[in-house]
């Protein structure tokens, strides 16, 4: 039987996974506003004959609770988008019972224009702005997440997982190899799944929280790396479920434990010369390096709503608790929101430590790059480098979702870069989610207010 043309055009790991096997099913997926995989599954034979399929554009107006937001500008008619497979993203779904492939799809409206509200298109738009100026943005993300005990009752607190020793995972064991070994079978499956999917892991380590893991990815193209994070979140959850625990990317799942971040390392390459714009060639830092930082300092407050997209996100921003709450910058200083890591000159980069792991990877990377882009274009100078403990500096970011959305709604320069229609829809979705949260009465309120006020 001949191999379908799309498999011949797919990455080599697809053909390696299917060697000697018959493909049963293809999952045609996109990431919604929350980063959840949406789409359709179909028999492989049908997928091979189908050039595109349709989904309503309203999937980008659905909240995390399943409600539908109205942006107020357009009628809620739910017209179909045209989804076309991006075969370069094809990879296995190795946890399924049959032989299944996943393919991320490009999204256009019926006139052929990119769907402005699709998170992957938002990131592509930002990358195109860089490329139009002869620049190539480069990112290297770090993923933090928790492995936790199964939690089937949302009213109960989340607990650390049970390790192979028969004890629950302990906190404050950063970089401990024995701590990682406690849930080594989950880590083994993460490696195995990643290999089958053609995904490269730069390293895995124990973080400071009980059952908290950090996984580093190698640097590269922003869209490709966002695709990989999108895939990684799914495969990590599946690996955990195989071993009677959950993987969670909540910013703050466990009280009194550190939150989970998605640190992003940024650099920019000049397309004409291939050199890092941040490196002067002799180890010195360039004006572009400082302008990138200046743009982030000026505009990051306006995009915190994308980097910290839920009410829980703001529980991560705790002073002196492994999460910067400022926009200071410093060299090799983990108390600053913007850190310049130790590196060789050609690898000079800026690390944005503000984003939470709960953000949509496409939107988190797009928002961070947008701030740096505006700094480069407008030649924005940063504040002086911060020396010392930046937790002693003034807070530089909003501390709740409502305030963050107010700043985002007023940020017209950011809207023009991301796309005004996207900004309108995003704000509507997040305000609806915030309103739903405010209707919930918490255990804290019942405990302390019911009989005392």
Protein backbone atom coordinates (compact mmCIF):
# COMPACT_ATOMS: atom_id res chain seq x y z
CA UNK A 1 0.00 0.00 0.00
CA UNK A 2 1.41 3.39 -1.02
CA UNK A 3 2.25 6.00 1.60
CA UNK A 4 -0.09 9.02 1.57
CA UNK A 5 1.54 12.17 0.18
CA UNK A 6 1.09 14.12 3.42
CA UNK A 7 3.10 11.54 5.38
CA UNK A 8 5.92 11.83 2.83
CA UNK A 9 5.92 15.60 3.52
CA UNK A 10 5.73 15.17 7.30
CA UNK A 11 8.79 15.31 9.60
CA UNK A 12 11.00 12.18 9.71
CA UNK A 13 9.80 11.18 13.20
CA UNK A 14 6.29 10.65 11.77
CA UNK A 15 7.56 8.05 9.31
CA UNK A 16 9.73 6.47 12.02
CA UNK A 17 6.75 6.11 14.35
CA UNK A 18 4.60 4.56 11.64
CA UNK A 19 7.26 2.22 10.28
CA UNK A 20 5.55 -1.13 9.79
CA UNK A 21 2.27 0.16 11.24
CA UNK A 22 -1.03 1.27 9.77
CA UNK A 23 -2.18 4.75 10.78
CA UNK A 24 -5.70 4.61 12.21
CA UNK A 25 -6.70 8.17 13.08
CA UNK A 26 -5.65 11.81 12.70
CA UNK A 27 -6.52 14.52 15.22
CA UNK A 28 -6.96 17.88 13.48
CA UNK A 29 -6.37 20.46 16.20
CA UNK A 30 -5.92 24.14 17.02
CA UNK A 31 -5.27 25.92 20.31
CA UNK A 32 -8.16 27.99 21.68
CA UNK A 33 -7.79 31.14 23.80
CA UNK A 34 -6.88 29.08 26.87
CA UNK A 35 -4.45 26.85 24.97
CA UNK A 36 -6.85 23.88 24.99
CA UNK A 37 -6.76 21.60 21.94
CA UNK A 38 -9.94 21.94 19.88
CA UNK A 39 -10.77 20.25 16.61
CA UNK A 40 -11.88 16.98 15.06
CA UNK A 41 -10.63 13.42 14.85
CA UNK A 42 -11.11 11.49 11.63
CA UNK A 43 -10.05 8.21 10.06
CA UNK A 44 -6.61 8.45 8.49
CA UNK A 45 -7.95 7.49 5.05
CA UNK A 46 -10.40 10.41 5.10
CA UNK A 47 -7.74 12.85 6.29
CA UNK A 48 -5.49 11.86 3.38
CA UNK A 49 -8.20 12.91 0.91
CA UNK A 50 -9.34 16.08 2.70
CA UNK A 51 -7.50 19.36 2.05
CA UNK A 52 -9.25 21.35 4.78
CA UNK A 53 -12.17 21.31 7.19
CA UNK A 54 -14.29 23.81 9.09
CA UNK A 55 -14.77 25.00 12.66
CA UNK A 56 -16.79 27.99 13.92
CA UNK A 57 -14.68 31.02 14.86
CA UNK A 58 -16.61 31.17 18.14
CA UNK A 59 -14.18 28.67 19.69
CA UNK A 60 -12.02 31.72 20.43
CA UNK A 61 -14.89 33.32 22.34
CA UNK A 62 -15.38 30.42 24.75
CA UNK A 63 -14.26 30.87 28.34
CA UNK A 64 -12.48 28.31 30.51
CA UNK A 65 -15.87 27.62 32.16
CA UNK A 66 -17.64 26.99 28.85
CA UNK A 67 -19.50 30.27 28.51
CA UNK A 68 -19.43 32.42 25.37
CA UNK A 69 -18.20 35.99 25.32
CA UNK A 70 -19.60 38.72 23.06
CA UNK A 71 -17.05 41.34 22.06
CA UNK A 72 -19.78 43.88 21.38
CA UNK A 73 -18.51 44.74 17.90
CA UNK A 74 -19.77 41.85 15.77
CA UNK A 75 -22.89 39.72 15.85
CA UNK A 76 -22.53 36.25 17.33
CA UNK A 77 -23.14 34.41 14.04
CA UNK A 78 -20.40 31.76 14.41
CA UNK A 79 -19.17 31.76 10.79
CA UNK A 80 -16.92 28.87 9.81
CA UNK A 81 -13.15 29.18 9.62
CA UNK A 82 -11.19 27.19 7.04
CA UNK A 83 -8.60 24.96 8.70
CA UNK A 84 -5.70 23.70 6.61
CA UNK A 85 -3.19 21.18 7.98
CA UNK A 86 0.32 22.41 8.70
CA UNK A 87 2.01 19.10 7.94
CA UNK A 88 5.27 20.29 9.48
CA UNK A 89 3.57 20.05 12.90
CA UNK A 90 2.47 16.41 12.48
CA UNK A 91 3.46 14.15 15.35
CA UNK A 92 2.33 11.01 17.12
CA UNK A 93 -0.17 10.74 19.97
CA UNK A 94 1.73 7.82 21.55
CA UNK A 95 -0.56 7.42 24.56
CA UNK A 96 -3.57 6.35 22.49
CA UNK A 97 -4.70 2.74 22.12
CA UNK A 98 -4.40 2.85 18.31
CA UNK A 99 -1.94 4.52 15.92
CA UNK A 100 -2.88 8.18 15.98
CA UNK A 101 -1.30 11.37 14.63
CA UNK A 102 -1.89 14.98 15.68
CA UNK A 103 -1.67 17.86 13.20
CA UNK A 104 -1.95 21.55 14.08
CA UNK A 105 -3.93 23.49 11.48
CA UNK A 106 -3.66 26.98 10.01
CA UNK A 107 -6.80 29.10 10.34
CA UNK A 108 -8.19 31.49 7.73
CA UNK A 109 -11.56 33.13 7.19
CA UNK A 110 -13.58 32.46 4.06
CA UNK A 111 -11.92 35.41 2.30
CA UNK A 112 -8.51 33.84 2.88
CA UNK A 113 -7.29 36.20 5.61
CA UNK A 114 -5.69 34.79 8.79
CA UNK A 115 -8.22 34.59 11.64
CA UNK A 116 -7.12 37.49 13.85
CA UNK A 117 -8.45 35.97 17.07
CA UNK A 118 -6.56 32.67 16.71
CA UNK A 119 -3.66 32.65 19.23
CA UNK A 120 -1.25 30.94 16.81
CA UNK A 121 -1.99 33.64 14.22
CA UNK A 122 -1.36 36.36 16.81
CA UNK A 123 2.14 34.98 17.35
CA UNK A 124 2.71 34.62 13.60
CA UNK A 125 1.71 38.28 13.21
CA UNK A 126 4.34 39.39 15.75
CA UNK A 127 7.06 37.26 14.13
CA UNK A 128 6.16 38.80 10.74
CA UNK A 129 6.63 42.31 12.18
CA UNK A 130 10.17 41.37 13.22
CA UNK A 131 10.90 39.77 9.86
CA UNK A 132 9.68 42.85 7.97
CA UNK A 133 12.51 44.78 9.67
CA UNK A 134 15.10 42.15 8.84
CA UNK A 135 15.09 40.55 12.29
CA UNK A 136 14.50 36.98 13.44
CA UNK A 137 13.25 36.61 17.03
CA UNK A 138 14.59 33.63 18.98
CA UNK A 139 13.05 32.20 22.15
CA UNK A 140 13.96 29.50 24.65
CA UNK A 141 11.15 28.65 27.08
CA UNK A 142 11.32 27.01 30.49
CA UNK A 143 8.26 25.07 31.66
CA UNK A 144 7.41 24.59 35.34
CA UNK A 145 4.57 22.33 36.44
CA UNK A 146 3.41 20.22 39.37
CA UNK A 147 2.74 16.53 39.62
CA UNK A 148 -0.05 16.19 42.18
CA UNK A 149 -2.24 13.50 43.70
CA UNK A 150 -5.53 12.84 41.92
CA UNK A 151 -8.04 15.49 42.91
CA UNK A 152 -11.56 14.42 41.96
CA UNK A 153 -13.29 16.74 44.45
CA UNK A 154 -12.60 20.41 43.59
CA UNK A 155 -13.60 21.46 47.11
CA UNK A 156 -10.57 19.66 48.56
CA UNK A 157 -7.03 21.10 48.55
CA UNK A 158 -4.51 19.80 46.05
CA UNK A 159 -1.91 17.48 47.58
CA UNK A 160 1.59 16.48 46.43
CA UNK A 161 1.86 13.07 44.74
CA UNK A 162 2.83 9.85 46.47
CA UNK A 163 6.38 8.90 45.53
CA UNK A 164 7.93 5.47 45.10
CA UNK A 165 9.08 5.65 48.75
CA UNK A 166 5.44 5.64 49.88
CA UNK A 167 5.76 9.24 51.09
CA UNK A 168 4.32 12.35 49.53
CA UNK A 169 6.74 14.51 47.56
CA UNK A 170 8.53 17.01 49.80
CA UNK A 171 9.04 20.73 49.22
CA UNK A 172 12.28 22.71 49.22
CA UNK A 173 14.20 20.02 47.34
CA UNK A 174 15.31 22.13 44.37
CA UNK A 175 17.77 20.34 42.05
CA UNK A 176 17.55 17.13 44.10
CA UNK A 177 18.02 14.07 41.90
CA UNK A 178 16.47 11.77 44.50
CA UNK A 179 13.36 13.97 44.54
CA UNK A 180 12.99 13.53 40.78
CA UNK A 181 13.48 9.78 41.19
CA UNK A 182 10.43 9.69 43.48
CA UNK A 183 8.22 9.99 40.39
CA UNK A 184 10.76 8.68 37.89
CA UNK A 185 8.23 6.54 36.01
CA UNK A 186 6.29 9.67 35.01
CA UNK A 187 9.50 11.33 33.85
CA UNK A 188 10.43 8.19 31.87
CA UNK A 189 7.11 8.31 30.03
CA UNK A 190 7.56 12.03 29.33
CA UNK A 191 10.90 11.26 27.68
CA UNK A 192 9.46 8.31 25.74
CA UNK A 193 6.44 10.29 24.51
CA UNK A 194 8.64 13.24 23.53
CA UNK A 195 10.96 11.00 21.53
CA UNK A 196 8.05 9.43 19.66
CA UNK A 197 6.70 12.92 18.91
CA UNK A 198 10.02 14.31 17.72
CA UNK A 199 10.18 16.83 20.59
CA UNK A 200 13.53 17.74 22.10
CA UNK A 201 13.98 18.24 25.85
CA UNK A 202 17.02 20.23 26.96
CA UNK A 203 16.78 19.06 30.58
CA UNK A 204 14.47 18.18 33.49
CA UNK A 205 15.05 19.14 37.11
CA UNK A 206 13.30 19.28 40.47
CA UNK A 207 12.03 22.75 41.37
CA UNK A 208 11.39 24.18 44.84
CA UNK A 209 7.79 23.02 45.32
CA UNK A 210 6.56 19.59 46.43
CA UNK A 211 6.29 17.62 43.20
CA UNK A 212 7.28 20.65 41.11
CA UNK A 213 9.29 19.97 37.96
CA UNK A 214 11.05 22.29 35.52
CA UNK A 215 11.63 21.30 31.92
CA UNK A 216 13.82 23.35 29.59
CA UNK A 217 13.49 23.48 25.79
CA UNK A 218 16.25 24.44 23.39
CA UNK A 219 16.14 27.85 21.69
CA UNK A 220 14.53 28.37 18.30
CA UNK A 221 11.66 29.76 16.25
CA UNK A 222 8.86 31.25 18.40
CA UNK A 223 5.96 29.58 16.56
CA UNK A 224 7.66 26.18 16.54
CA UNK A 225 8.47 26.43 20.25
CA UNK A 226 4.89 27.51 21.08
CA UNK A 227 3.64 24.48 19.10
CA UNK A 228 5.94 22.28 21.17
CA UNK A 229 4.73 23.71 24.50
CA UNK A 230 1.15 23.16 23.30
CA UNK A 231 2.03 19.53 22.60
CA UNK A 232 4.12 19.12 25.76
CA UNK A 233 1.28 20.18 28.05
CA UNK A 234 -0.89 17.44 26.61
CA UNK A 235 1.76 14.70 26.68
CA UNK A 236 2.81 15.54 30.27
CA UNK A 237 -0.80 15.27 31.45
CA UNK A 238 -1.13 11.92 29.70
CA UNK A 239 2.13 10.63 31.22
CA UNK A 240 0.95 11.57 34.71
CA UNK A 241 -2.43 9.86 34.27
CA UNK A 242 -0.64 6.61 33.50
CA UNK A 243 0.78 6.66 37.02
CA UNK A 244 -2.27 7.62 39.09
CA UNK A 245 -1.48 11.33 39.43
CA UNK A 246 -2.23 14.59 37.67
CA UNK A 247 0.06 17.11 36.00
CA UNK A 248 -1.11 20.69 36.47
CA UNK A 249 0.04 23.92 34.87
CA UNK A 250 -1.94 26.13 37.24
CA UNK A 251 0.14 29.11 38.32
CA UNK A 252 -0.45 28.33 42.02
CA UNK A 253 -2.03 24.92 42.66
CA UNK A 254 -0.86 24.35 46.26
CA UNK A 255 -1.12 26.84 49.11
CA UNK A 256 2.24 27.90 50.62
CA UNK A 257 4.20 26.40 47.73
CA UNK A 258 5.90 28.43 44.97
CA UNK A 259 4.04 29.03 41.74
CA UNK A 260 4.85 27.70 38.28
CA UNK A 261 6.36 30.07 35.71
CA UNK A 262 7.05 29.97 32.00
CA UNK A 263 10.33 31.88 31.81
CA UNK A 264 11.14 33.04 28.28
CA UNK A 265 14.66 33.77 27.02
CA UNK A 266 14.72 36.26 24.14
CA UNK A 267 17.30 37.26 21.58
CA UNK A 268 17.06 38.74 18.07
CA UNK A 269 19.15 37.80 15.04
CA UNK A 270 19.96 40.14 12.16
CA UNK A 271 18.87 38.29 9.02
CA UNK A 272 21.49 39.95 6.79
CA UNK A 273 24.52 39.11 8.94
CA UNK A 274 23.29 36.24 11.14
CA UNK A 275 24.62 37.99 14.25
CA UNK A 276 22.85 38.41 17.57
CA UNK A 277 21.59 42.01 17.69
CA UNK A 278 22.24 42.10 21.44
CA UNK A 279 25.99 41.42 21.07
CA UNK A 280 28.38 44.11 19.88
CA UNK A 281 30.87 41.53 18.61
CA UNK A 282 33.40 42.16 21.33
CA UNK A 283 31.32 41.13 24.32
CA UNK A 284 29.70 44.55 24.71
CA UNK A 285 25.94 45.04 24.84
CA UNK A 286 24.33 46.94 21.99
CA UNK A 287 21.78 49.78 22.00
CA UNK A 288 19.27 47.24 20.62
CA UNK A 289 19.80 45.09 23.70
CA UNK A 290 18.93 48.02 25.96
CA UNK A 291 16.00 49.10 23.77
CA UNK A 292 14.51 45.59 23.93
CA UNK A 293 14.64 45.77 27.75
CA UNK A 294 13.24 49.30 27.68
CA UNK A 295 10.26 48.14 25.63
CA UNK A 296 9.59 45.33 28.04
CA UNK A 297 9.75 47.65 31.04
CA UNK A 298 7.34 50.12 29.42
CA UNK A 299 4.81 47.72 27.93
CA UNK A 300 4.80 44.57 30.09
CA UNK A 301 2.25 46.01 32.57
CA UNK A 302 -0.18 46.31 29.65
CA UNK A 303 0.16 42.63 28.68
CA UNK A 304 0.18 41.01 32.14
CA UNK A 305 -3.40 39.97 31.39
CA UNK A 306 -1.94 37.64 28.71
CA UNK A 307 0.98 36.45 30.85
CA UNK A 308 -1.20 35.92 33.94
CA UNK A 309 -4.61 35.15 32.42
CA UNK A 310 -6.63 33.83 35.41
CA UNK A 311 -7.51 34.93 38.92
CA UNK A 312 -5.26 32.17 40.25
CA UNK A 313 -2.32 33.57 38.26
CA UNK A 314 -1.91 36.48 40.67
CA UNK A 315 -1.46 34.18 43.67
CA UNK A 316 1.97 33.38 42.20
CA UNK A 317 3.16 36.98 42.60
CA UNK A 318 4.30 36.80 46.22
CA UNK A 319 7.19 38.88 47.49
CA UNK A 320 10.33 36.83 48.31
CA UNK A 321 8.69 33.65 47.00
CA UNK A 322 10.52 32.78 43.77
CA UNK A 323 8.32 34.97 41.56
CA UNK A 324 9.47 38.49 40.62
CA UNK A 325 6.85 41.18 41.16
CA UNK A 326 8.87 43.97 39.54
CA UNK A 327 10.08 45.10 36.12
CA UNK A 328 13.67 45.75 37.14
CA UNK A 329 16.48 44.29 35.05
CA UNK A 330 19.81 42.94 36.19
CA UNK A 331 22.65 40.65 35.21
CA UNK A 332 22.50 37.19 36.77
CA UNK A 333 19.91 38.40 39.31
CA UNK A 334 16.90 36.13 39.85
CA UNK A 335 15.07 38.71 41.98
CA UNK A 336 14.52 40.92 38.91
CA UNK A 337 11.60 40.42 36.55
CA UNK A 338 14.00 40.81 33.60
CA UNK A 339 17.22 38.86 34.02
CA UNK A 340 20.30 38.79 31.82
CA UNK A 341 21.75 35.28 32.27
CA UNK A 342 25.43 34.45 32.23
CA UNK A 343 26.28 33.45 28.65
CA UNK A 344 28.78 33.57 25.85
CA UNK A 345 28.55 36.88 23.92
CA UNK A 346 26.85 35.29 20.91
CA UNK A 347 24.13 33.91 23.23
CA UNK A 348 23.40 37.27 24.90
CA UNK A 349 19.72 37.27 25.80
CA UNK A 350 17.01 38.64 28.10
CA UNK A 351 14.95 36.34 30.32
CA UNK A 352 11.36 37.41 31.01
CA UNK A 353 10.51 35.81 34.39
CA UNK A 354 7.01 37.31 34.73
CA UNK A 355 4.83 34.87 32.75
CA UNK A 356 2.98 32.04 34.47
CA UNK A 357 2.85 28.49 33.11
CA UNK A 358 -0.93 28.83 32.89
CA UNK A 359 -0.68 31.27 29.99
CA UNK A 360 -1.44 30.23 26.44
CA UNK A 361 2.09 29.67 25.03
CA UNK A 362 1.27 31.39 21.75
CA UNK A 363 -0.10 34.46 23.50
CA UNK A 364 2.54 34.55 26.23
CA UNK A 365 5.40 34.51 23.73
CA UNK A 366 3.58 36.95 21.41
CA UNK A 367 2.96 39.43 24.23
CA UNK A 368 6.56 39.29 25.44
CA UNK A 369 7.96 39.70 21.92
CA UNK A 370 5.54 42.56 21.21
CA UNK A 371 6.94 44.53 24.13
CA UNK A 372 10.51 44.01 22.97
CA UNK A 373 9.55 44.89 19.39
CA UNK A 374 8.08 48.24 20.42
CA UNK A 375 11.22 48.93 22.40
CA UNK A 376 13.42 48.24 19.36
CA UNK A 377 11.28 50.25 16.96
CA UNK A 378 10.81 53.24 19.28
CA UNK A 379 14.33 53.06 20.75
CA UNK A 380 13.08 53.04 24.32
CA UNK A 381 15.81 53.34 26.95
CA UNK A 382 15.48 51.17 30.07
CA UNK A 383 15.82 52.23 33.66
CA UNK A 384 19.31 51.76 35.11
CA UNK A 385 20.31 48.21 35.93
CA UNK A 386 19.09 47.19 39.39
CA UNK A 387 21.78 46.16 41.83
CA UNK A 388 20.82 44.13 44.89
CA UNK A 389 17.57 42.47 45.95
CA UNK A 390 14.86 43.67 43.56
CA UNK A 391 12.14 42.49 45.95
CA UNK A 392 12.92 45.74 47.76
CA UNK A 393 11.93 47.77 44.71
CA UNK A 394 8.44 49.05 43.99
CA UNK A 395 5.97 46.59 42.54
CA UNK A 396 5.82 47.03 38.79
CA UNK A 397 2.96 44.81 37.72
CA UNK A 398 -0.79 44.64 38.41
CA UNK A 399 -1.70 42.27 41.21
CA UNK A 400 -5.18 41.16 40.10
CA UNK A 401 -6.87 40.25 36.82
CA UNK A 402 -9.34 43.15 36.80
CA UNK A 403 -6.57 45.75 37.07
CA UNK A 404 -4.51 43.92 34.45
CA UNK A 405 -7.45 43.98 32.03
CA UNK A 406 -7.96 47.70 32.59
CA UNK A 407 -4.32 48.29 31.61
CA UNK A 408 -4.67 45.99 28.61
CA UNK A 409 -7.84 47.71 27.40
CA UNK A 410 -6.08 51.11 27.48
CA UNK A 411 -2.98 49.88 25.61
CA UNK A 412 -3.84 50.94 22.05
CA UNK A 413 -0.22 50.62 20.86
CA UNK A 414 -0.18 46.99 22.00
CA UNK A 415 -3.58 46.41 20.35
CA UNK A 416 -2.23 47.56 16.98
CA UNK A 417 0.68 45.13 17.22
CA UNK A 418 -1.35 42.10 18.39
CA UNK A 419 -4.50 43.02 16.37
CA UNK A 420 -7.37 45.21 17.63
CA UNK A 421 -10.04 42.54 17.07
CA UNK A 422 -8.04 39.98 19.00
CA UNK A 423 -7.61 42.47 21.87
CA UNK A 424 -11.37 43.08 21.98
CA UNK A 425 -12.25 39.38 22.04
CA UNK A 426 -9.55 38.51 24.57
CA UNK A 427 -10.71 41.17 27.00
CA UNK A 428 -14.33 40.08 26.68
CA UNK A 429 -13.44 36.44 27.39
CA UNK A 430 -11.31 37.28 30.42
CA UNK A 431 -13.83 39.70 31.91
CA UNK A 432 -16.52 37.04 31.64
CA UNK A 433 -14.23 34.54 33.41
CA UNK A 434 -13.41 37.08 36.12
CA UNK A 435 -17.10 37.80 36.66
CA UNK A 436 -17.86 34.08 36.99
CA UNK A 437 -15.14 33.76 39.64
CA UNK A 438 -16.56 36.64 41.66
CA UNK A 439 -19.86 34.75 41.97
CA UNK A 440 -18.13 31.90 43.87
CA UNK A 441 -18.06 31.99 47.67
CA UNK A 442 -14.79 30.52 48.94
CA UNK A 443 -14.17 28.36 52.04
CA UNK A 444 -12.13 31.24 53.51
CA UNK A 445 -15.16 33.52 53.37
CA UNK A 446 -17.41 30.94 55.02
CA UNK A 447 -14.86 30.20 57.70
CA UNK A 448 -14.02 33.77 58.70
CA UNK A 449 -17.08 35.82 57.77
CA UNK A 450 -20.13 33.59 58.22
CA UNK A 451 -20.40 34.05 62.00
CA UNK A 452 -17.95 36.87 62.69
CA UNK A 453 -19.16 39.90 60.75
